PDB file of all heavy atoms in Angstrom:
ATOM      1  N   ARG A   1      84.765 113.952 101.136  1.00  0.00           N
ATOM      2  CA  ARG A   1      84.932 115.147 100.306  1.00  0.00           C
ATOM      3  C   ARG A   1      86.237 115.110  99.498  1.00  0.00           C
ATOM      4  O   ARG A   1      86.285 115.613  98.382  1.00  0.00           O
ATOM      5  CB  ARG A   1      84.940 116.396 101.176  1.00  0.00           C
ATOM      6  CG  ARG A   1      83.659 116.608 101.962  1.00  0.00           C
ATOM      7  CD  ARG A   1      83.646 117.971 102.647  1.00  0.00           C
ATOM      8  NE  ARG A   1      84.723 118.126 103.630  1.00  0.00           N
ATOM      9  CZ  ARG A   1      85.651 119.096 103.561  1.00  0.00           C
ATOM     10  NH1 ARG A   1      85.642 119.985 102.592  1.00  0.00           N
ATOM     11  NH2 ARG A   1      86.590 119.173 104.502  1.00  0.00           N
ATOM     12  N   PHE A   2      87.275 114.534 100.077  1.00  0.00           N
ATOM     13  CA  PHE A   2      88.591 114.471  99.430  1.00  0.00           C
ATOM     14  C   PHE A   2      88.883 113.046  98.990  1.00  0.00           C
ATOM     15  O   PHE A   2      88.484 112.077  99.649  1.00  0.00           O
ATOM     16  CB  PHE A   2      89.694 114.905 100.399  1.00  0.00           C
ATOM     17  CG  PHE A   2      89.705 116.360 100.745  1.00  0.00           C
ATOM     18  CD1 PHE A   2      88.664 117.216 100.427  1.00  0.00           C
ATOM     19  CD2 PHE A   2      90.796 116.900 101.430  1.00  0.00           C
ATOM     20  CE1 PHE A   2      88.687 118.557 100.756  1.00  0.00           C
ATOM     21  CE2 PHE A   2      90.847 118.238 101.769  1.00  0.00           C
ATOM     22  CZ  PHE A   2      89.783 119.059 101.435  1.00  0.00           C
ATOM     23  N   THR A   3      89.618 112.927  97.890  1.00  0.00           N
ATOM     24  CA  THR A   3      90.042 111.626  97.390  1.00  0.00           C
ATOM     25  C   THR A   3      91.511 111.683  97.004  1.00  0.00           C
ATOM     26  O   THR A   3      91.905 112.530  96.188  1.00  0.00           O
ATOM     27  CB  THR A   3      89.221 111.195  96.168  1.00  0.00           C
ATOM     28  OG1 THR A   3      87.823 111.175  96.504  1.00  0.00           O
ATOM     29  CG2 THR A   3      89.636 109.816  95.708  1.00  0.00           C
ATOM     30  N   ILE A   4      92.300 110.786  97.581  1.00  0.00           N
ATOM     31  CA  ILE A   4      93.710 110.680  97.220  1.00  0.00           C
ATOM     32  C   ILE A   4      93.868 109.541  96.209  1.00  0.00           C
ATOM     33  O   ILE A   4      93.194 108.502  96.306  1.00  0.00           O
ATOM     34  CB  ILE A   4      94.593 110.440  98.468  1.00  0.00           C
ATOM     35  CG1 ILE A   4      96.079 110.532  98.112  1.00  0.00           C
ATOM     36  CG2 ILE A   4      94.255 109.127  99.154  1.00  0.00           C
ATOM     37  CD1 ILE A   4      97.001 110.517  99.334  1.00  0.00           C
ATOM     38  N   SER A   5      94.724 109.763  95.235  1.00  0.00           N
ATOM     39  CA  SER A   5      94.983 108.724  94.238  1.00  0.00           C
ATOM     40  C   SER A   5      96.428 108.857  93.761  1.00  0.00           C
ATOM     41  O   SER A   5      97.095 109.859  94.050  1.00  0.00           O
ATOM     42  CB  SER A   5      94.014 108.843  93.060  1.00  0.00           C
ATOM     43  OG  SER A   5      94.161 110.084  92.408  1.00  0.00           O
ATOM     44  N   ARG A   6      96.888 107.860  93.037  1.00  0.00           N
ATOM     45  CA  ARG A   6      98.261 107.896  92.548  1.00  0.00           C
ATOM     46  C   ARG A   6      98.325 107.301  91.149  1.00  0.00           C
ATOM     47  O   ARG A   6      97.538 106.428  90.794  1.00  0.00           O
ATOM     48  CB  ARG A   6      99.196 107.136  93.488  1.00  0.00           C
ATOM     49  CG  ARG A   6      98.945 105.646  93.602  1.00  0.00           C
ATOM     50  CD  ARG A   6      99.757 105.028  94.743  1.00  0.00           C
ATOM     51  NE  ARG A   6     101.192 105.192  94.539  1.00  0.00           N
ATOM     52  CZ  ARG A   6     102.099 105.154  95.508  1.00  0.00           C
ATOM     53  NH1 ARG A   6     101.712 104.952  96.762  1.00  0.00           N
ATOM     54  NH2 ARG A   6     103.385 105.305  95.233  1.00  0.00           N
ATOM     55  N   ASP A   7      99.297 107.802  90.392  1.00  0.00           N
ATOM     56  CA  ASP A   7      99.588 107.275  89.062  1.00  0.00           C
ATOM     57  C   ASP A   7     101.074 106.917  89.053  1.00  0.00           C
ATOM     58  O   ASP A   7     101.926 107.806  88.913  1.00  0.00           O
ATOM     59  CB  ASP A   7      99.260 108.316  87.999  1.00  0.00           C
ATOM     60  CG  ASP A   7      99.434 107.783  86.582  1.00  0.00           C
ATOM     61  OD1 ASP A   7     100.190 106.812  86.388  1.00  0.00           O
ATOM     62  OD2 ASP A   7      98.833 108.362  85.667  1.00  0.00           O
ATOM     63  N   ASN A   8     101.376 105.649  89.215  1.00  0.00           N
ATOM     64  CA  ASN A   8     102.775 105.241  89.317  1.00  0.00           C
ATOM     65  C   ASN A   8     103.529 105.449  88.001  1.00  0.00           C
ATOM     66  O   ASN A   8     104.744 105.649  88.010  1.00  0.00           O
ATOM     67  CB  ASN A   8     102.873 103.783  89.761  1.00  0.00           C
ATOM     68  CG  ASN A   8     102.469 103.587  91.211  1.00  0.00           C
ATOM     69  OD1 ASN A   8     102.482 104.531  92.009  1.00  0.00           O
ATOM     70  ND2 ASN A   8     102.091 102.376  91.557  1.00  0.00           N
ATOM     71  N   ALA A   9     102.831 105.414  86.895  1.00  0.00           N
ATOM     72  CA  ALA A   9     103.483 105.649  85.605  1.00  0.00           C
ATOM     73  C   ALA A   9     103.970 107.086  85.479  1.00  0.00           C
ATOM     74  O   ALA A   9     104.936 107.365  84.760  1.00  0.00           O
ATOM     75  CB  ALA A   9     102.531 105.316  84.470  1.00  0.00           C
ATOM     76  N   LYS A  10     103.304 107.989  86.192  1.00  0.00           N
ATOM     77  CA  LYS A  10     103.666 109.409  86.136  1.00  0.00           C
ATOM     78  C   LYS A  10     104.384 109.869  87.397  1.00  0.00           C
ATOM     79  O   LYS A  10     104.679 111.066  87.532  1.00  0.00           O
ATOM     80  CB  LYS A  10     102.414 110.265  85.911  1.00  0.00           C
ATOM     81  CG  LYS A  10     101.739 110.025  84.576  1.00  0.00           C
ATOM     82  CD  LYS A  10     100.547 110.947  84.395  1.00  0.00           C
ATOM     83  CE  LYS A  10      99.903 110.738  83.028  1.00  0.00           C
ATOM     84  NZ  LYS A  10      98.726 111.629  82.830  1.00  0.00           N
ATOM     85  N   ASN A  11     104.618 108.955  88.337  1.00  0.00           N
ATOM     86  CA  ASN A  11     105.250 109.325  89.612  1.00  0.00           C
ATOM     87  C   ASN A  11     104.524 110.502  90.267  1.00  0.00           C
ATOM     88  O   ASN A  11     105.149 111.444  90.774  1.00  0.00           O
ATOM     89  CB  ASN A  11     106.725 109.685  89.418  1.00  0.00           C
ATOM     90  CG  ASN A  11     107.599 108.461  89.213  1.00  0.00           C
ATOM     91  OD1 ASN A  11     107.111 107.336  89.162  1.00  0.00           O
ATOM     92  ND2 ASN A  11     108.890 108.681  89.076  1.00  0.00           N
ATOM     93  N   THR A  12     103.204 110.436  90.254  1.00  0.00           N
ATOM     94  CA  THR A  12     102.397 111.561  90.735  1.00  0.00           C
ATOM     95  C   THR A  12     101.300 111.067  91.670  1.00  0.00           C
ATOM     96  O   THR A  12     100.671 110.035  91.416  1.00  0.00           O
ATOM     97  CB  THR A  12     101.787 112.327  89.558  1.00  0.00           C
ATOM     98  OG1 THR A  12     102.842 112.827  88.722  1.00  0.00           O
ATOM     99  CG2 THR A  12     100.951 113.504  90.044  1.00  0.00           C
ATOM    100  N   VAL A  13     101.085 111.827  92.730  1.00  0.00           N
ATOM    101  CA  VAL A  13      99.973 111.591  93.638  1.00  0.00           C
ATOM    102  C   VAL A  13      99.054 112.804  93.575  1.00  0.00           C
ATOM    103  O   VAL A  13      99.515 113.938  93.398  1.00  0.00           O
ATOM    104  CB  VAL A  13     100.465 111.321  95.080  1.00  0.00           C
ATOM    105  CG1 VAL A  13     101.232 112.503  95.655  1.00  0.00           C
ATOM    106  CG2 VAL A  13      99.325 110.920  95.992  1.00  0.00           C
ATOM    107  N   TYR A  14      97.769 112.546  93.684  1.00  0.00           N
ATOM    108  CA  TYR A  14      96.758 113.588  93.536  1.00  0.00           C
ATOM    109  C   TYR A  14      95.906 113.685  94.801  1.00  0.00           C
ATOM    110  O   TYR A  14      95.767 112.736  95.562  1.00  0.00           O
ATOM    111  CB  TYR A  14      95.837 113.270  92.350  1.00  0.00           C
ATOM    112  CG  TYR A  14      96.555 113.100  91.044  1.00  0.00           C
ATOM    113  CD1 TYR A  14      96.869 111.818  90.577  1.00  0.00           C
ATOM    114  CD2 TYR A  14      96.919 114.194  90.267  1.00  0.00           C
ATOM    115  CE1 TYR A  14      97.530 111.642  89.377  1.00  0.00           C
ATOM    116  CE2 TYR A  14      97.578 114.021  89.062  1.00  0.00           C
ATOM    117  CZ  TYR A  14      97.881 112.747  88.620  1.00  0.00           C
ATOM    118  OH  TYR A  14      98.544 112.581  87.432  1.00  0.00           O
ATOM    119  N   LEU A  15      95.312 114.858  94.965  1.00  0.00           N
ATOM    120  CA  LEU A  15      94.307 115.043  96.003  1.00  0.00           C
ATOM    121  C   LEU A  15      93.151 115.816  95.375  1.00  0.00           C
ATOM    122  O   LEU A  15      93.272 117.008  95.090  1.00  0.00           O
ATOM    123  CB  LEU A  15      94.867 115.806  97.208  1.00  0.00           C
ATOM    124  CG  LEU A  15      93.916 115.905  98.401  1.00  0.00           C
ATOM    125  CD1 LEU A  15      93.688 114.520  99.012  1.00  0.00           C
ATOM    126  CD2 LEU A  15      94.449 116.866  99.455  1.00  0.00           C
ATOM    127  N   GLN A  16      92.072 115.100  95.118  1.00  0.00           N
ATOM    128  CA  GLN A  16      90.851 115.730  94.608  1.00  0.00           C
ATOM    129  C   GLN A  16      90.053 116.237  95.796  1.00  0.00           C
ATOM    130  O   GLN A  16      89.707 115.454  96.691  1.00  0.00           O
ATOM    131  CB  GLN A  16      90.023 114.724  93.801  1.00  0.00           C
ATOM    132  CG  GLN A  16      88.717 115.280  93.288  1.00  0.00           C
ATOM    133  CD  GLN A  16      88.908 116.365  92.244  1.00  0.00           C
ATOM    134  OE1 GLN A  16      89.733 116.246  91.351  1.00  0.00           O
ATOM    135  NE2 GLN A  16      88.130 117.445  92.352  1.00  0.00           N
ATOM    136  N   MET A  17      89.782 117.528  95.808  1.00  0.00           N
ATOM    137  CA  MET A  17      89.089 118.155  96.929  1.00  0.00           C
ATOM    138  C   MET A  17      87.778 118.733  96.444  1.00  0.00           C
ATOM    139  O   MET A  17      87.765 119.642  95.606  1.00  0.00           O
ATOM    140  CB  MET A  17      89.966 119.255  97.543  1.00  0.00           C
ATOM    141  CG  MET A  17      91.356 118.756  97.940  1.00  0.00           C
ATOM    142  SD  MET A  17      92.322 119.998  98.812  1.00  0.00           S
ATOM    143  CE  MET A  17      92.500 121.225  97.536  1.00  0.00           C
ATOM    144  N   ASN A  18      86.679 118.190  96.941  1.00  0.00           N
ATOM    145  CA  ASN A  18      85.346 118.646  96.579  1.00  0.00           C
ATOM    146  C   ASN A  18      84.642 119.242  97.794  1.00  0.00           C
ATOM    147  O   ASN A  18      85.061 119.011  98.935  1.00  0.00           O
ATOM    148  CB  ASN A  18      84.524 117.483  96.029  1.00  0.00           C
ATOM    149  CG  ASN A  18      85.120 116.889  94.772  1.00  0.00           C
ATOM    150  OD1 ASN A  18      85.756 117.573  93.974  1.00  0.00           O
ATOM    151  ND2 ASN A  18      84.915 115.587  94.586  1.00  0.00           N
ATOM    152  N   SER A  19      83.579 119.963  97.539  1.00  0.00           N
ATOM    153  CA  SER A  19      82.782 120.566  98.612  1.00  0.00           C
ATOM    154  C   SER A  19      83.685 121.301  99.599  1.00  0.00           C
ATOM    155  O   SER A  19      83.565 121.131 100.825  1.00  0.00           O
ATOM    156  CB  SER A  19      81.964 119.495  99.334  1.00  0.00           C
ATOM    157  OG  SER A  19      81.115 118.822  98.432  1.00  0.00           O
ATOM    158  N   LEU A  20      84.558 122.116  99.074  1.00  0.00           N
ATOM    159  CA  LEU A  20      85.531 122.797  99.924  1.00  0.00           C
ATOM    160  C   LEU A  20      84.864 123.770 100.882  1.00  0.00           C
ATOM    161  O   LEU A  20      83.843 124.401 100.555  1.00  0.00           O
ATOM    162  CB  LEU A  20      86.569 123.511  99.068  1.00  0.00           C
ATOM    163  CG  LEU A  20      87.628 122.578  98.473  1.00  0.00           C
ATOM    164  CD1 LEU A  20      88.333 123.241  97.288  1.00  0.00           C
ATOM    165  CD2 LEU A  20      88.644 122.178  99.530  1.00  0.00           C
ATOM    166  N   LYS A  21      85.459 123.881 102.068  1.00  0.00           N
ATOM    167  CA  LYS A  21      84.959 124.746 103.123  1.00  0.00           C
ATOM    168  C   LYS A  21      86.039 125.759 103.494  1.00  0.00           C
ATOM    169  O   LYS A  21      87.230 125.488 103.302  1.00  0.00           O
ATOM    170  CB  LYS A  21      84.619 123.912 104.362  1.00  0.00           C
ATOM    171  CG  LYS A  21      83.624 122.794 104.120  1.00  0.00           C
ATOM    172  CD  LYS A  21      83.446 121.957 105.383  1.00  0.00           C
ATOM    173  CE  LYS A  21      82.472 120.822 105.158  1.00  0.00           C
ATOM    174  NZ  LYS A  21      82.291 120.001 106.390  1.00  0.00           N
ATOM    175  N   PRO A  22      85.659 126.893 104.057  1.00  0.00           N
ATOM    176  CA  PRO A  22      86.675 127.876 104.476  1.00  0.00           C
ATOM    177  C   PRO A  22      87.722 127.264 105.417  1.00  0.00           C
ATOM    178  O   PRO A  22      88.892 127.657 105.362  1.00  0.00           O
ATOM    179  CB  PRO A  22      85.848 128.952 105.171  1.00  0.00           C
ATOM    180  CG  PRO A  22      84.526 128.901 104.469  1.00  0.00           C
ATOM    181  CD  PRO A  22      84.291 127.438 104.195  1.00  0.00           C
ATOM    182  N   GLU A  23      87.316 126.314 106.231  1.00  0.00           N
ATOM    183  CA  GLU A  23      88.265 125.696 107.160  1.00  0.00           C
ATOM    184  C   GLU A  23      89.272 124.775 106.469  1.00  0.00           C
ATOM    185  O   GLU A  23      90.194 124.270 107.111  1.00  0.00           O
ATOM    186  CB  GLU A  23      87.535 124.927 108.268  1.00  0.00           C
ATOM    187  CG  GLU A  23      86.488 123.964 107.780  1.00  0.00           C
ATOM    188  CD  GLU A  23      85.087 124.553 107.806  1.00  0.00           C
ATOM    189  OE1 GLU A  23      84.924 125.728 107.386  1.00  0.00           O
ATOM    190  OE2 GLU A  23      84.148 123.829 108.235  1.00  0.00           O
ATOM    191  N   ASP A  24      89.099 124.540 105.180  1.00  0.00           N
ATOM    192  CA  ASP A  24      90.107 123.788 104.420  1.00  0.00           C
ATOM    193  C   ASP A  24      91.266 124.684 103.978  1.00  0.00           C
ATOM    194  O   ASP A  24      92.255 124.194 103.420  1.00  0.00           O
ATOM    195  CB  ASP A  24      89.479 123.142 103.180  1.00  0.00           C
ATOM    196  CG  ASP A  24      88.447 122.082 103.520  1.00  0.00           C
ATOM    197  OD1 ASP A  24      88.697 121.293 104.445  1.00  0.00           O
ATOM    198  OD2 ASP A  24      87.391 122.056 102.854  1.00  0.00           O
ATOM    199  N   THR A  25      91.149 125.974 104.208  1.00  0.00           N
ATOM    200  CA  THR A  25      92.209 126.912 103.835  1.00  0.00           C
ATOM    201  C   THR A  25      93.503 126.577 104.566  1.00  0.00           C
ATOM    202  O   THR A  25      93.527 126.477 105.796  1.00  0.00           O
ATOM    203  CB  THR A  25      91.792 128.353 104.159  1.00  0.00           C
ATOM    204  OG1 THR A  25      90.671 128.697 103.339  1.00  0.00           O
ATOM    205  CG2 THR A  25      92.926 129.328 103.904  1.00  0.00           C
ATOM    206  N   ALA A  26      94.564 126.365 103.807  1.00  0.00           N
ATOM    207  CA  ALA A  26      95.851 125.963 104.378  1.00  0.00           C
ATOM    208  C   ALA A  26      96.872 125.840 103.253  1.00  0.00           C
ATOM    209  O   ALA A  26      96.517 125.897 102.068  1.00  0.00           O
ATOM    210  CB  ALA A  26      95.731 124.613 105.088  1.00  0.00           C
ATOM    211  N   VAL A  27      98.119 125.662 103.649  1.00  0.00           N
ATOM    212  CA  VAL A  27      99.145 125.235 102.702  1.00  0.00           C
ATOM    213  C   VAL A  27      99.156 123.705 102.734  1.00  0.00           C
ATOM    214  O   VAL A  27      99.228 123.105 103.814  1.00  0.00           O
ATOM    215  CB  VAL A  27     100.528 125.796 103.066  1.00  0.00           C
ATOM    216  CG1 VAL A  27     101.574 125.279 102.081  1.00  0.00           C
ATOM    217  CG2 VAL A  27     100.499 127.315 103.066  1.00  0.00           C
ATOM    218  N   TYR A  28      99.068 123.111 101.560  1.00  0.00           N
ATOM    219  CA  TYR A  28      99.023 121.659 101.445  1.00  0.00           C
ATOM    220  C   TYR A  28     100.392 121.141 100.990  1.00  0.00           C
ATOM    221  O   TYR A  28     100.968 121.657 100.027  1.00  0.00           O
ATOM    222  CB  TYR A  28      97.935 121.253 100.451  1.00  0.00           C
ATOM    223  CG  TYR A  28      96.554 121.370 101.037  1.00  0.00           C
ATOM    224  CD1 TYR A  28      95.979 122.617 101.280  1.00  0.00           C
ATOM    225  CD2 TYR A  28      95.812 120.238 101.379  1.00  0.00           C
ATOM    226  CE1 TYR A  28      94.717 122.726 101.849  1.00  0.00           C
ATOM    227  CE2 TYR A  28      94.547 120.333 101.933  1.00  0.00           C
ATOM    228  CZ  TYR A  28      94.005 121.593 102.162  1.00  0.00           C
ATOM    229  OH  TYR A  28      92.752 121.691 102.728  1.00  0.00           O
ATOM    230  N   TYR A  29     100.859 120.125 101.700  1.00  0.00           N
ATOM    231  CA  TYR A  29     102.185 119.561 101.456  1.00  0.00           C
ATOM    232  C   TYR A  29     102.093 118.084 101.100  1.00  0.00           C
ATOM    233  O   TYR A  29     101.327 117.333 101.713  1.00  0.00           O
ATOM    234  CB  TYR A  29     103.062 119.680 102.696  1.00  0.00           C
ATOM    235  CG  TYR A  29     103.363 121.087 103.135  1.00  0.00           C
ATOM    236  CD1 TYR A  29     102.555 121.738 104.060  1.00  0.00           C
ATOM    237  CD2 TYR A  29     104.473 121.765 102.633  1.00  0.00           C
ATOM    238  CE1 TYR A  29     102.847 123.029 104.484  1.00  0.00           C
ATOM    239  CE2 TYR A  29     104.768 123.060 103.045  1.00  0.00           C
ATOM    240  CZ  TYR A  29     103.943 123.678 103.966  1.00  0.00           C
ATOM    241  OH  TYR A  29     104.227 124.963 104.377  1.00  0.00           O
ATOM    242  N   CYS A  30     102.928 117.702 100.181  1.00  0.00           N
ATOM    243  CA  CYS A  30     103.106 116.306  99.814  1.00  0.00           C
ATOM    244  C   CYS A  30     104.250 115.727 100.655  1.00  0.00           C
ATOM    245  O   CYS A  30     105.226 116.442 100.954  1.00  0.00           O
ATOM    246  CB  CYS A  30     103.448 116.252  98.330  1.00  0.00           C
ATOM    247  SG  CYS A  30     103.720 114.637  97.642  1.00  0.00           S
ATOM    248  N   ASN A  31     104.135 114.463 101.021  1.00  0.00           N
ATOM    249  CA  ASN A  31     105.145 113.853 101.904  1.00  0.00           C
ATOM    250  C   ASN A  31     105.346 112.383 101.564  1.00  0.00           C
ATOM    251  O   ASN A  31     104.398 111.685 101.193  1.00  0.00           O
ATOM    252  CB  ASN A  31     104.701 113.986 103.360  1.00  0.00           C
ATOM    253  CG  ASN A  31     105.473 113.077 104.307  1.00  0.00           C
ATOM    254  OD1 ASN A  31     105.100 111.934 104.549  1.00  0.00           O
ATOM    255  ND2 ASN A  31     106.566 113.600 104.836  1.00  0.00           N
ATOM    256  N   THR A  32     106.562 111.938 101.704  1.00  0.00           N
ATOM    257  CA  THR A  32     106.852 110.525 101.704  1.00  0.00           C
ATOM    258  C   THR A  32     108.032 110.262 102.635  1.00  0.00           C
ATOM    259  O   THR A  32     108.697 111.199 103.094  1.00  0.00           O
ATOM    260  CB  THR A  32     107.148 109.988 100.286  1.00  0.00           C
ATOM    261  OG1 THR A  32     107.143 108.561 100.315  1.00  0.00           O
ATOM    262  CG2 THR A  32     108.494 110.485  99.785  1.00  0.00           C
ATOM    263  N   GLN A  33     108.244 108.997 102.933  1.00  0.00           N
ATOM    264  CA  GLN A  33     109.308 108.627 103.864  1.00  0.00           C
ATOM    265  C   GLN A  33     110.113 107.474 103.308  1.00  0.00           C
ATOM    266  O   GLN A  33     109.552 106.502 102.803  1.00  0.00           O
ATOM    267  CB  GLN A  33     108.720 108.211 105.214  1.00  0.00           C
ATOM    268  CG  GLN A  33     108.041 109.313 105.976  1.00  0.00           C
ATOM    269  CD  GLN A  33     107.391 108.791 107.254  1.00  0.00           C
ATOM    270  OE1 GLN A  33     107.019 107.633 107.333  1.00  0.00           O
ATOM    271  NE2 GLN A  33     107.275 109.648 108.237  1.00  0.00           N
ATOM    272  N   THR A  34     111.448 107.589 103.410  1.00  0.00           N
ATOM    273  CA  THR A  34     112.310 106.442 103.230  1.00  0.00           C
ATOM    274  C   THR A  34     113.011 106.248 104.570  1.00  0.00           C
ATOM    275  O   THR A  34     112.363 105.857 105.534  1.00  0.00           O
ATOM    276  CB  THR A  34     113.298 106.653 102.088  1.00  0.00           C
ATOM    277  OG1 THR A  34     114.049 107.850 102.316  1.00  0.00           O
ATOM    278  CG2 THR A  34     112.566 106.775 100.753  1.00  0.00           C
ATOM    279  N   PHE A  35     114.280 106.595 104.663  1.00  0.00           N
ATOM    280  CA  PHE A  35     114.938 106.619 105.962  1.00  0.00           C
ATOM    281  C   PHE A  35     114.752 107.987 106.622  1.00  0.00           C
ATOM    282  O   PHE A  35     115.167 108.202 107.770  1.00  0.00           O
ATOM    283  CB  PHE A  35     116.426 106.297 105.827  1.00  0.00           C
ATOM    284  CG  PHE A  35     117.180 107.235 104.945  1.00  0.00           C
ATOM    285  CD1 PHE A  35     117.792 108.365 105.478  1.00  0.00           C
ATOM    286  CD2 PHE A  35     117.260 107.009 103.587  1.00  0.00           C
ATOM    287  CE1 PHE A  35     118.477 109.239 104.658  1.00  0.00           C
ATOM    288  CE2 PHE A  35     117.956 107.870 102.757  1.00  0.00           C
ATOM    289  CZ  PHE A  35     118.552 108.996 103.295  1.00  0.00           C
ATOM    290  N   ARG A  36     114.122 108.894 105.942  1.00  0.00           N
ATOM    291  CA  ARG A  36     113.802 110.225 106.456  1.00  0.00           C
ATOM    292  C   ARG A  36     112.554 110.725 105.755  1.00  0.00           C
ATOM    293  O   ARG A  36     112.105 110.144 104.770  1.00  0.00           O
ATOM    294  CB  ARG A  36     114.960 111.199 106.206  1.00  0.00           C
ATOM    295  CG  ARG A  36     115.450 111.236 104.776  1.00  0.00           C
ATOM    296  CD  ARG A  36     116.133 112.512 104.410  1.00  0.00           C
ATOM    297  NE  ARG A  36     115.170 113.585 104.172  1.00  0.00           N
ATOM    298  CZ  ARG A  36     115.505 114.771 103.693  1.00  0.00           C
ATOM    299  NH1 ARG A  36     116.761 115.069 103.447  1.00  0.00           N
ATOM    300  NH2 ARG A  36     114.582 115.691 103.502  1.00  0.00           N
ATOM    301  N   ASP A  37     112.028 111.832 106.279  1.00  0.00           N
ATOM    302  CA  ASP A  37     110.870 112.472 105.667  1.00  0.00           C
ATOM    303  C   ASP A  37     111.305 113.349 104.503  1.00  0.00           C
ATOM    304  O   ASP A  37     112.324 114.045 104.578  1.00  0.00           O
ATOM    305  CB  ASP A  37     110.147 113.364 106.685  1.00  0.00           C
ATOM    306  CG  ASP A  37     109.132 112.591 107.494  1.00  0.00           C
ATOM    307  OD1 ASP A  37     108.250 111.981 106.885  1.00  0.00           O
ATOM    308  OD2 ASP A  37     109.236 112.625 108.730  1.00  0.00           O
ATOM    309  N   TYR A  38     110.501 113.354 103.447  1.00  0.00           N
ATOM    310  CA  TYR A  38     110.668 114.283 102.344  1.00  0.00           C
ATOM    311  C   TYR A  38     109.385 115.082 102.184  1.00  0.00           C
ATOM    312  O   TYR A  38     108.284 114.530 102.265  1.00  0.00           O
ATOM    313  CB  TYR A  38     110.979 113.535 101.041  1.00  0.00           C
ATOM    314  CG  TYR A  38     112.323 112.859 101.050  1.00  0.00           C
ATOM    315  CD1 TYR A  38     112.432 111.504 101.331  1.00  0.00           C
ATOM    316  CD2 TYR A  38     113.487 113.577 100.785  1.00  0.00           C
ATOM    317  CE1 TYR A  38     113.672 110.880 101.352  1.00  0.00           C
ATOM    318  CE2 TYR A  38     114.730 112.960 100.812  1.00  0.00           C
ATOM    319  CZ  TYR A  38     114.818 111.610 101.093  1.00  0.00           C
ATOM    320  OH  TYR A  38     116.028 110.997 101.128  1.00  0.00           O
ATOM    321  N   TRP A  39     109.558 116.393 101.946  1.00  0.00           N
ATOM    322  CA  TRP A  39     108.428 117.311 101.816  1.00  0.00           C
ATOM    323  C   TRP A  39     108.557 118.129 100.545  1.00  0.00           C
ATOM    324  O   TRP A  39     109.663 118.483 100.128  1.00  0.00           O
ATOM    325  CB  TRP A  39     108.389 118.274 103.008  1.00  0.00           C
ATOM    326  CG  TRP A  39     108.198 117.616 104.328  1.00  0.00           C
ATOM    327  CD1 TRP A  39     109.170 117.188 105.189  1.00  0.00           C
ATOM    328  CD2 TRP A  39     106.944 117.301 104.939  1.00  0.00           C
ATOM    329  NE1 TRP A  39     108.591 116.626 106.298  1.00  0.00           N
ATOM    330  CE2 TRP A  39     107.236 116.687 106.188  1.00  0.00           C
ATOM    331  CE3 TRP A  39     105.614 117.479 104.577  1.00  0.00           C
ATOM    332  CZ2 TRP A  39     106.235 116.252 107.053  1.00  0.00           C
ATOM    333  CZ3 TRP A  39     104.623 117.051 105.444  1.00  0.00           C
ATOM    334  CH2 TRP A  39     104.926 116.444 106.663  1.00  0.00           C
ATOM    335  N   GLY A  40     107.414 118.465  99.970  1.00  0.00           N
ATOM    336  CA  GLY A  40     107.410 119.440  98.908  1.00  0.00           C
ATOM    337  C   GLY A  40     107.405 120.845  99.475  1.00  0.00           C
ATOM    338  O   GLY A  40     107.428 121.046 100.697  1.00  0.00           O
ATOM    339  N   GLN A  41     107.333 121.824  98.567  1.00  0.00           N
ATOM    340  CA  GLN A  41     107.376 123.223  98.995  1.00  0.00           C
ATOM    341  C   GLN A  41     106.018 123.726  99.446  1.00  0.00           C
ATOM    342  O   GLN A  41     105.924 124.782 100.073  1.00  0.00           O
ATOM    343  CB  GLN A  41     107.904 124.104  97.844  1.00  0.00           C
ATOM    344  CG  GLN A  41     106.869 124.498  96.805  1.00  0.00           C
ATOM    345  CD  GLN A  41     106.455 123.365  95.876  1.00  0.00           C
ATOM    346  OE1 GLN A  41     107.010 122.270  95.906  1.00  0.00           O
ATOM    347  NE2 GLN A  41     105.459 123.634  95.031  1.00  0.00           N
ATOM    348  N   GLY A  42     104.982 122.975  99.131  1.00  0.00           N
ATOM    349  CA  GLY A  42     103.635 123.349  99.530  1.00  0.00           C
ATOM    350  C   GLY A  42     102.910 124.139  98.459  1.00  0.00           C
ATOM    351  O   GLY A  42     103.526 124.815  97.631  1.00  0.00           O
ATOM    352  N   THR A  43     101.593 124.047  98.492  1.00  0.00           N
ATOM    353  CA  THR A  43     100.741 124.830  97.598  1.00  0.00           C
ATOM    354  C   THR A  43      99.588 125.390  98.406  1.00  0.00           C
ATOM    355  O   THR A  43      98.972 124.686  99.206  1.00  0.00           O
ATOM    356  CB  THR A  43     100.259 123.988  96.402  1.00  0.00           C
ATOM    357  OG1 THR A  43      99.559 124.823  95.474  1.00  0.00           O
ATOM    358  CG2 THR A  43      99.360 122.830  96.819  1.00  0.00           C
ATOM    359  N   GLN A  44      99.317 126.674  98.208  1.00  0.00           N
ATOM    360  CA  GLN A  44      98.302 127.366  99.008  1.00  0.00           C
ATOM    361  C   GLN A  44      96.907 127.081  98.461  1.00  0.00           C
ATOM    362  O   GLN A  44      96.658 127.222  97.257  1.00  0.00           O
ATOM    363  CB  GLN A  44      98.563 128.874  98.989  1.00  0.00           C
ATOM    364  CG  GLN A  44      97.506 129.696  99.708  1.00  0.00           C
ATOM    365  CD  GLN A  44      97.554 129.548 101.208  1.00  0.00           C
ATOM    366  OE1 GLN A  44      98.618 129.603 101.816  1.00  0.00           O
ATOM    367  NE2 GLN A  44      96.390 129.338 101.821  1.00  0.00           N
TER     368      GLN A  44
END
């Protein structure tokens, strides 16, 4: 149902979400790691 992809030219990662269900309701966060974790602010 979901597809993750990235565009390195735009420094952007995507999450295409199809056939959404009520149980998918959440705050979604982007994350990466170097020597520590980095998080975005989240999107509802």
